[in-house]
Protein backbone atom coordinates (compact mmCIF):
# COMPACT_ATOMS: atom_id res chain seq x y z
CA UNK A 1 12.41 -27.14 0.18
CA UNK A 2 14.83 -26.19 2.88
CA UNK A 3 14.62 -23.53 5.53
CA UNK A 4 15.11 -19.94 4.37
CA UNK A 5 17.21 -17.28 6.09
CA UNK A 6 15.19 -14.17 6.97
CA UNK A 7 16.53 -10.81 8.14
CA UNK A 8 15.17 -7.54 9.48
CA UNK A 9 14.86 -6.42 5.84
CA UNK A 10 13.01 -9.49 4.52
CA UNK A 11 10.81 -10.46 7.50
CA UNK A 12 7.76 -8.50 6.34
CA UNK A 13 7.66 -10.07 2.86
CA UNK A 14 8.76 -13.61 3.82
CA UNK A 15 6.75 -14.01 7.02
CA UNK A 16 4.00 -11.47 7.56
CA UNK A 17 2.86 -11.37 3.90
CA UNK A 18 3.12 -15.14 3.34
CA UNK A 19 0.03 -16.88 1.98
CA UNK A 20 0.86 -20.03 3.99
CA UNK A 21 1.73 -20.44 7.70
CA UNK A 22 5.35 -19.68 8.60
CA UNK A 23 7.48 -21.06 11.43
CA UNK A 24 10.21 -18.63 12.42
CA UNK A 25 13.19 -20.17 14.20
CA UNK A 26 14.95 -17.49 16.26
CA UNK A 27 18.42 -18.98 16.81
CA UNK A 28 22.13 -18.17 17.20
CA UNK A 29 25.31 -19.94 16.11
CA UNK A 30 26.58 -20.33 19.69
CA UNK A 31 23.31 -21.91 20.93
CA UNK A 32 23.64 -25.68 21.41
CA UNK A 33 19.89 -26.41 21.57
CA UNK A 34 19.43 -24.31 18.40
CA UNK A 35 21.92 -26.53 16.56
CA UNK A 36 19.99 -29.60 17.76
CA UNK A 37 16.69 -28.27 16.37
CA UNK A 38 18.10 -27.15 12.99
CA UNK A 39 18.19 -30.58 11.27
CA UNK A 40 14.69 -31.36 12.55
CA UNK A 41 13.38 -28.14 11.00
CA UNK A 42 15.11 -29.03 7.70
CA UNK A 43 13.34 -32.40 7.69
CA UNK A 44 9.99 -30.82 8.50
CA UNK A 45 10.42 -28.15 5.81
CA UNK A 46 10.70 -30.95 3.25
CA UNK A 47 7.87 -32.96 4.77
CA UNK A 48 5.44 -30.02 4.73
CA UNK A 49 6.70 -28.35 1.55
CA UNK A 50 4.04 -26.13 -0.01
CA UNK A 51 1.85 -26.23 3.11
CA UNK A 52 4.06 -24.41 5.60
CA UNK A 53 7.26 -22.39 5.30
CA UNK A 54 10.11 -22.63 7.83
CA UNK A 55 12.52 -19.72 8.12
CA UNK A 56 15.48 -18.93 10.35
CA UNK A 57 16.37 -15.61 11.98
CA UNK A 58 19.89 -15.25 13.38
CA UNK A 59 19.14 -13.46 16.65
CA UNK A 60 22.61 -11.92 16.89
CA UNK A 61 22.48 -10.47 13.37
CA UNK A 62 18.88 -9.20 13.60
CA UNK A 63 18.45 -7.46 16.97
CA UNK A 64 15.52 -5.35 15.70
CA UNK A 65 13.37 -8.46 15.12
CA UNK A 66 14.44 -9.92 18.46
CA UNK A 67 13.32 -6.73 20.18
CA UNK A 68 10.15 -6.29 18.13
CA UNK A 69 8.98 -9.83 18.96
CA UNK A 70 10.24 -9.89 22.56
CA UNK A 71 12.52 -12.89 22.05
CA UNK A 72 14.20 -13.48 25.41
CA UNK A 73 15.32 -17.09 25.01
CA UNK A 74 16.46 -19.19 22.08
CA UNK A 75 15.57 -21.27 20.31
CA UNK A 76 12.13 -19.74 20.00
CA UNK A 77 9.78 -21.03 17.32
CA UNK A 78 7.06 -18.53 16.44
CA UNK A 79 4.28 -19.56 14.07
CA UNK A 80 2.63 -16.84 11.98
CA UNK A 81 -0.35 -16.91 9.68
CA UNK A 82 -2.03 -13.98 7.97
CA UNK A 83 0.55 -11.63 9.45
CA UNK A 84 -0.35 -12.64 13.01
CA UNK A 85 1.52 -14.64 15.64
CA UNK A 86 -0.59 -17.75 16.27
CA UNK A 87 1.76 -19.80 18.47
CA UNK A 88 5.12 -19.54 20.21
CA UNK A 89 7.30 -22.30 21.62
CA UNK A 90 10.53 -21.77 23.55
CA UNK A 91 13.32 -24.31 23.82
CA UNK A 92 14.48 -27.33 21.89
CA UNK A 93 11.62 -29.73 21.29
CA UNK A 94 11.49 -33.14 19.62
CA UNK A 95 10.35 -33.53 16.02
CA UNK A 96 7.05 -35.12 17.07
CA UNK A 97 6.08 -32.07 19.15
CA UNK A 98 7.02 -29.59 16.42
CA UNK A 99 5.09 -31.69 13.88
CA UNK A 100 2.06 -31.69 16.20
CA UNK A 101 2.20 -27.89 16.35
CA UNK A 102 2.35 -27.75 12.55
CA UNK A 103 -0.61 -30.10 12.21
CA UNK A 104 -2.57 -28.03 14.71
CA UNK A 105 -1.95 -24.84 12.74
CA UNK A 106 -2.74 -26.49 9.41
CA UNK A 107 -6.09 -27.80 10.67
CA UNK A 108 -7.05 -24.39 12.04
CA UNK A 109 -6.34 -22.34 8.90
């Protein structure tokens, strides 16, 4: 499974109504650190397929979501479960740290 693109129109169904935890990557094309994190998230989406979903929100194309979730810096990785924000991480982080966050969420749900 690869990451899925989510928009203002699909966020509710894809993220908030998901039966499994969801990592939302708020990113933009011009953001260098965002481009560094993207392949890591692709790898993790395959590694955790069926247990967690990873989606991407283009911050420039979806300003309503950016405003609604107070995204002030990108990349921001928000983790949602049961329609609630359970964790938020700002900035490019190594695969091991993102995987640790995923494991933490999976053990708590």
